[in-house]
Amino acid sequence: MSLINKKCVPCEGGIMAFGKKQIGHYLKEVPEWGVVDGKIEREFVFKDFNEAMKFVSIVGQLAEREGHHPDILVHGYKKVKITLSTHSIGGLSENDFILAAKIDKLLSTSR
């Protein structure tokens, strides 16, 4: 099943964070995301601050619906960096990749 069709599942810990092999497998579905310090992240560039903030708002609404919340940094007035990890396990889980795929889809439908 595609990540887009899945829903984030609450994680309270007690599971292992993904290893390199699992991360590599899931990155194939979100190829524009990269692994940095055990997290996945992607930077988005918009035409102006207003567009960047609209995107942040839409991502925030999606994250709330999924119950999985990213770190979001707005910088350079029109750039948005999103970083995902599963805090309760100190690494990456399927939830991170599900949200990344859904964020990518938002971008493709909002532009």
N, C-alpha and C. Protein backbone atom coordinates (compact mmCIF):
# COMPACT_ATOMS: atom_id res chain seq x y z
N MET A 1 0.85 -1.18 0.00
CA MET A 1 0.00 0.00 0.00
C MET A 1 0.89 1.24 0.00
N SER A 2 0.54 2.20 -0.80
CA SER A 2 1.28 3.46 -0.89
C SER A 2 1.20 4.22 0.43
N LEU A 3 2.26 4.94 0.75
CA LEU A 3 2.27 5.73 1.98
C LEU A 3 1.15 6.76 2.02
N ILE A 4 0.78 7.29 0.87
CA ILE A 4 -0.29 8.30 0.79
C ILE A 4 -1.60 7.74 1.33
N ASN A 5 -1.82 6.45 1.16
CA ASN A 5 -3.08 5.83 1.58
C ASN A 5 -3.08 5.34 3.02
N LYS A 6 -1.97 5.52 3.70
CA LYS A 6 -1.88 5.08 5.10
C LYS A 6 -2.15 6.26 6.03
N LYS A 7 -2.39 5.96 7.29
CA LYS A 7 -2.60 6.98 8.31
C LYS A 7 -1.57 6.78 9.40
N CYS A 8 -1.06 7.87 9.93
CA CYS A 8 -0.11 7.78 11.04
C CYS A 8 -0.80 7.13 12.23
N VAL A 9 -0.04 6.28 12.91
CA VAL A 9 -0.54 5.56 14.07
C VAL A 9 0.17 6.10 15.31
N PRO A 10 -0.57 6.44 16.36
CA PRO A 10 0.08 6.97 17.56
C PRO A 10 1.19 6.04 18.06
N CYS A 11 2.30 6.65 18.42
CA CYS A 11 3.45 5.88 18.88
C CYS A 11 3.86 6.41 20.24
N GLU A 12 3.79 5.56 21.23
CA GLU A 12 4.17 5.93 22.59
C GLU A 12 5.50 5.32 22.99
N GLY A 13 6.24 4.85 22.00
CA GLY A 13 7.51 4.19 22.31
C GLY A 13 7.31 2.68 22.31
N GLY A 14 8.33 1.98 22.75
CA GLY A 14 8.23 0.53 22.82
C GLY A 14 8.50 -0.18 21.51
N ILE A 15 8.82 0.57 20.46
CA ILE A 15 9.19 -0.04 19.19
C ILE A 15 10.58 0.47 18.82
N MET A 16 11.23 -0.26 17.96
CA MET A 16 12.57 0.14 17.52
C MET A 16 12.47 1.16 16.39
N ALA A 17 13.37 2.13 16.42
CA ALA A 17 13.48 3.06 15.31
C ALA A 17 14.00 2.29 14.10
N PHE A 18 13.66 2.78 12.92
CA PHE A 18 14.11 2.14 11.69
C PHE A 18 15.63 2.09 11.61
N GLY A 19 16.13 1.01 11.03
CA GLY A 19 17.55 0.89 10.72
C GLY A 19 17.80 1.40 9.30
N LYS A 20 19.05 1.38 8.89
CA LYS A 20 19.43 1.91 7.57
C LYS A 20 18.68 1.25 6.43
N LYS A 21 18.49 -0.05 6.50
CA LYS A 21 17.81 -0.78 5.42
C LYS A 21 16.36 -0.32 5.28
N GLN A 22 15.66 -0.21 6.40
CA GLN A 22 14.27 0.25 6.37
C GLN A 22 14.18 1.69 5.88
N ILE A 23 15.09 2.53 6.35
CA ILE A 23 15.09 3.94 5.92
C ILE A 23 15.29 4.01 4.41
N GLY A 24 16.25 3.25 3.90
CA GLY A 24 16.51 3.23 2.46
C GLY A 24 15.30 2.80 1.67
N HIS A 25 14.59 1.81 2.16
CA HIS A 25 13.37 1.33 1.50
C HIS A 25 12.32 2.43 1.42
N TYR A 26 12.05 3.08 2.54
CA TYR A 26 11.02 4.10 2.59
C TYR A 26 11.41 5.38 1.84
N LEU A 27 12.69 5.69 1.80
CA LEU A 27 13.13 6.89 1.07
C LEU A 27 12.81 6.81 -0.41
N LYS A 28 12.67 5.61 -0.94
CA LYS A 28 12.31 5.45 -2.35
C LYS A 28 10.95 6.08 -2.66
N GLU A 29 10.08 6.14 -1.67
CA GLU A 29 8.75 6.72 -1.87
C GLU A 29 8.74 8.24 -1.67
N VAL A 30 9.78 8.77 -1.05
CA VAL A 30 9.89 10.22 -0.83
C VAL A 30 11.31 10.66 -1.22
N PRO A 31 11.66 10.54 -2.50
CA PRO A 31 13.05 10.72 -2.92
C PRO A 31 13.64 12.11 -2.73
N GLU A 32 12.80 13.11 -2.54
CA GLU A 32 13.33 14.47 -2.35
C GLU A 32 13.67 14.78 -0.89
N TRP A 33 13.40 13.84 -0.02
CA TRP A 33 13.74 13.99 1.38
C TRP A 33 15.10 13.35 1.62
N GLY A 34 15.85 13.91 2.56
CA GLY A 34 17.15 13.37 2.89
C GLY A 34 17.26 13.07 4.37
N VAL A 35 18.19 12.20 4.70
CA VAL A 35 18.42 11.84 6.10
C VAL A 35 19.52 12.74 6.65
N VAL A 36 19.22 13.41 7.76
CA VAL A 36 20.18 14.29 8.42
C VAL A 36 20.07 14.03 9.92
N ASP A 37 21.16 13.58 10.53
CA ASP A 37 21.19 13.35 11.98
C ASP A 37 20.05 12.45 12.46
N GLY A 38 19.77 11.39 11.72
CA GLY A 38 18.76 10.43 12.13
C GLY A 38 17.32 10.89 11.93
N LYS A 39 17.13 11.95 11.19
CA LYS A 39 15.80 12.48 10.88
C LYS A 39 15.69 12.63 9.37
N ILE A 40 14.48 12.80 8.85
CA ILE A 40 14.35 13.13 7.43
C ILE A 40 13.94 14.59 7.33
N GLU A 41 14.45 15.23 6.29
CA GLU A 41 14.10 16.63 6.11
C GLU A 41 14.08 17.00 4.64
N ARG A 42 13.37 18.06 4.37
CA ARG A 42 13.28 18.61 3.02
C ARG A 42 13.08 20.11 3.13
N GLU A 43 13.69 20.82 2.19
CA GLU A 43 13.49 22.28 2.14
C GLU A 43 12.65 22.62 0.92
N PHE A 44 11.71 23.51 1.13
CA PHE A 44 10.81 23.98 0.08
C PHE A 44 11.06 25.47 -0.12
N VAL A 45 11.04 25.91 -1.37
CA VAL A 45 11.26 27.33 -1.67
C VAL A 45 10.02 27.85 -2.40
N PHE A 46 9.50 28.97 -1.92
CA PHE A 46 8.29 29.56 -2.47
C PHE A 46 8.60 30.91 -3.10
N LYS A 47 7.63 31.48 -3.80
CA LYS A 47 7.88 32.75 -4.49
C LYS A 47 7.98 33.93 -3.53
N ASP A 48 7.33 33.80 -2.35
CA ASP A 48 7.39 34.89 -1.38
C ASP A 48 6.98 34.38 0.00
N PHE A 49 7.05 35.27 0.97
CA PHE A 49 6.72 34.92 2.35
C PHE A 49 5.28 34.45 2.49
N ASN A 50 4.36 35.12 1.82
CA ASN A 50 2.95 34.76 1.92
C ASN A 50 2.71 33.32 1.48
N GLU A 51 3.30 32.92 0.38
CA GLU A 51 3.15 31.54 -0.11
C GLU A 51 3.77 30.54 0.86
N ALA A 52 4.91 30.90 1.42
CA ALA A 52 5.56 30.02 2.40
C ALA A 52 4.67 29.82 3.62
N MET A 53 4.06 30.89 4.09
CA MET A 53 3.21 30.80 5.27
C MET A 53 1.91 30.04 4.99
N LYS A 54 1.37 30.17 3.79
CA LYS A 54 0.19 29.37 3.42
C LYS A 54 0.53 27.88 3.49
N PHE A 55 1.70 27.53 2.95
CA PHE A 55 2.15 26.14 2.97
C PHE A 55 2.31 25.65 4.40
N VAL A 56 2.93 26.45 5.25
CA VAL A 56 3.11 26.07 6.66
C VAL A 56 1.75 25.81 7.32
N SER A 57 0.79 26.64 7.04
CA SER A 57 -0.55 26.47 7.61
C SER A 57 -1.19 25.17 7.15
N ILE A 58 -1.08 24.87 5.87
CA ILE A 58 -1.66 23.64 5.33
C ILE A 58 -0.96 22.42 5.92
N VAL A 59 0.37 22.48 6.03
CA VAL A 59 1.12 21.37 6.62
C VAL A 59 0.71 21.19 8.09
N GLY A 60 0.52 22.29 8.79
CA GLY A 60 0.09 22.22 10.19
C GLY A 60 -1.25 21.53 10.34
N GLN A 61 -2.18 21.84 9.46
CA GLN A 61 -3.49 21.20 9.50
C GLN A 61 -3.39 19.70 9.21
N LEU A 62 -2.58 19.35 8.21
CA LEU A 62 -2.36 17.94 7.89
C LEU A 62 -1.72 17.21 9.07
N ALA A 63 -0.71 17.80 9.66
CA ALA A 63 -0.01 17.18 10.78
C ALA A 63 -0.97 16.94 11.95
N GLU A 64 -1.83 17.89 12.20
CA GLU A 64 -2.80 17.74 13.28
C GLU A 64 -3.77 16.60 12.99
N ARG A 65 -4.24 16.50 11.75
CA ARG A 65 -5.14 15.39 11.38
C ARG A 65 -4.45 14.04 11.54
N GLU A 66 -3.16 13.99 11.20
CA GLU A 66 -2.41 12.74 11.27
C GLU A 66 -1.92 12.43 12.68
N GLY A 67 -1.92 13.44 13.55
CA GLY A 67 -1.42 13.23 14.91
C GLY A 67 0.09 13.02 14.95
N HIS A 68 0.77 13.60 13.97
CA HIS A 68 2.24 13.45 13.89
C HIS A 68 2.80 14.80 13.46
N HIS A 69 3.59 15.41 14.32
CA HIS A 69 3.93 16.82 14.15
C HIS A 69 5.40 17.03 13.80
N PRO A 70 5.66 17.73 12.70
CA PRO A 70 7.03 17.98 12.27
C PRO A 70 7.62 19.21 12.96
N ASP A 71 8.92 19.34 12.83
CA ASP A 71 9.58 20.60 13.16
C ASP A 71 9.56 21.41 11.87
N ILE A 72 9.13 22.66 11.96
CA ILE A 72 9.01 23.52 10.78
C ILE A 72 9.83 24.78 11.03
N LEU A 73 10.69 25.09 10.08
CA LEU A 73 11.52 26.29 10.16
C LEU A 73 11.27 27.14 8.91
N VAL A 74 10.87 28.39 9.12
CA VAL A 74 10.72 29.34 8.03
C VAL A 74 11.95 30.23 8.09
N HIS A 75 12.66 30.33 6.97
CA HIS A 75 13.88 31.15 6.95
C HIS A 75 14.07 31.76 5.58
N GLY A 76 14.91 32.79 5.53
CA GLY A 76 15.16 33.45 4.25
C GLY A 76 13.87 33.98 3.63
N TYR A 77 12.90 34.28 4.41
CA TYR A 77 11.58 34.82 4.13
C TYR A 77 10.70 33.99 3.20
N LYS A 78 11.27 33.07 2.43
CA LYS A 78 10.43 32.28 1.52
C LYS A 78 10.82 30.80 1.48
N LYS A 79 11.62 30.37 2.44
CA LYS A 79 12.06 28.98 2.50
C LYS A 79 11.46 28.32 3.74
N VAL A 80 11.05 27.06 3.57
CA VAL A 80 10.48 26.29 4.66
C VAL A 80 11.22 24.96 4.73
N LYS A 81 11.81 24.68 5.88
CA LYS A 81 12.47 23.38 6.08
C LYS A 81 11.61 22.58 7.05
N ILE A 82 11.27 21.37 6.63
CA ILE A 82 10.48 20.48 7.46
C ILE A 82 11.35 19.29 7.85
N THR A 83 11.36 19.01 9.14
CA THR A 83 12.14 17.89 9.68
C THR A 83 11.18 16.96 10.41
N LEU A 84 11.34 15.66 10.13
CA LEU A 84 10.46 14.65 10.72
C LEU A 84 11.26 13.58 11.45
N SER A 85 10.77 13.21 12.61
CA SER A 85 11.27 12.05 13.35
C SER A 85 10.19 11.68 14.35
N THR A 86 10.31 10.49 14.89
CA THR A 86 9.36 10.05 15.91
C THR A 86 10.05 10.21 17.25
N HIS A 87 9.72 11.27 17.94
CA HIS A 87 10.41 11.65 19.18
C HIS A 87 10.37 10.55 20.23
N SER A 88 9.24 9.86 20.34
CA SER A 88 9.08 8.86 21.41
C SER A 88 10.02 7.66 21.26
N ILE A 89 10.55 7.44 20.04
CA ILE A 89 11.49 6.32 19.86
C ILE A 89 12.89 6.81 19.51
N GLY A 90 13.06 8.12 19.41
CA GLY A 90 14.38 8.69 19.14
C GLY A 90 14.92 8.35 17.76
N GLY A 91 14.04 8.25 16.79
CA GLY A 91 14.47 7.93 15.43
C GLY A 91 13.31 7.98 14.47
N LEU A 92 13.44 7.24 13.39
CA LEU A 92 12.43 7.27 12.34
C LEU A 92 11.50 6.06 12.41
N SER A 93 10.24 6.31 12.06
CA SER A 93 9.23 5.26 11.97
C SER A 93 8.44 5.46 10.68
N GLU A 94 7.55 4.55 10.41
CA GLU A 94 6.73 4.68 9.20
C GLU A 94 5.95 5.99 9.21
N ASN A 95 5.53 6.46 10.38
CA ASN A 95 4.78 7.71 10.46
C ASN A 95 5.51 8.87 9.80
N ASP A 96 6.81 8.93 9.96
CA ASP A 96 7.58 10.03 9.37
C ASP A 96 7.49 10.01 7.85
N PHE A 97 7.55 8.84 7.29
CA PHE A 97 7.50 8.71 5.84
C PHE A 97 6.09 8.90 5.30
N ILE A 98 5.10 8.49 6.07
CA ILE A 98 3.70 8.74 5.68
C ILE A 98 3.46 10.24 5.59
N LEU A 99 3.87 10.96 6.63
CA LEU A 99 3.65 12.42 6.63
C LEU A 99 4.46 13.09 5.53
N ALA A 100 5.68 12.64 5.30
CA ALA A 100 6.50 13.21 4.22
C ALA A 100 5.81 13.03 2.87
N ALA A 101 5.28 11.84 2.61
CA ALA A 101 4.59 11.58 1.34
C ALA A 101 3.36 12.47 1.20
N LYS A 102 2.63 12.65 2.28
CA LYS A 102 1.43 13.48 2.23
C LYS A 102 1.78 14.96 2.05
N ILE A 103 2.88 15.39 2.64
CA ILE A 103 3.34 16.77 2.43
C ILE A 103 3.74 16.96 0.97
N ASP A 104 4.44 15.99 0.40
CA ASP A 104 4.80 16.08 -1.03
C ASP A 104 3.55 16.18 -1.89
N LYS A 105 2.53 15.41 -1.56
CA LYS A 105 1.29 15.45 -2.34
C LYS A 105 0.61 16.81 -2.19
N LEU A 106 0.62 17.36 -0.99
CA LEU A 106 0.05 18.70 -0.79
C LEU A 106 0.73 19.71 -1.72
N LEU A 107 2.03 19.61 -1.80
CA LEU A 107 2.78 20.55 -2.62
C LEU A 107 2.40 20.41 -4.08
N SER A 108 2.24 19.21 -4.55
CA SER A 108 1.93 19.00 -5.96
C SER A 108 0.51 19.45 -6.30
N THR A 109 -0.40 19.43 -5.32
CA THR A 109 -1.78 19.85 -5.60
C THR A 109 -2.02 21.32 -5.30
N SER A 110 -1.12 21.96 -4.55
CA SER A 110 -1.34 23.36 -4.17
C SER A 110 -0.65 24.36 -5.08
N ARG A 111 0.18 23.88 -5.97
CA ARG A 111 0.90 24.81 -6.86
C ARG A 111 0.29 24.89 -8.21
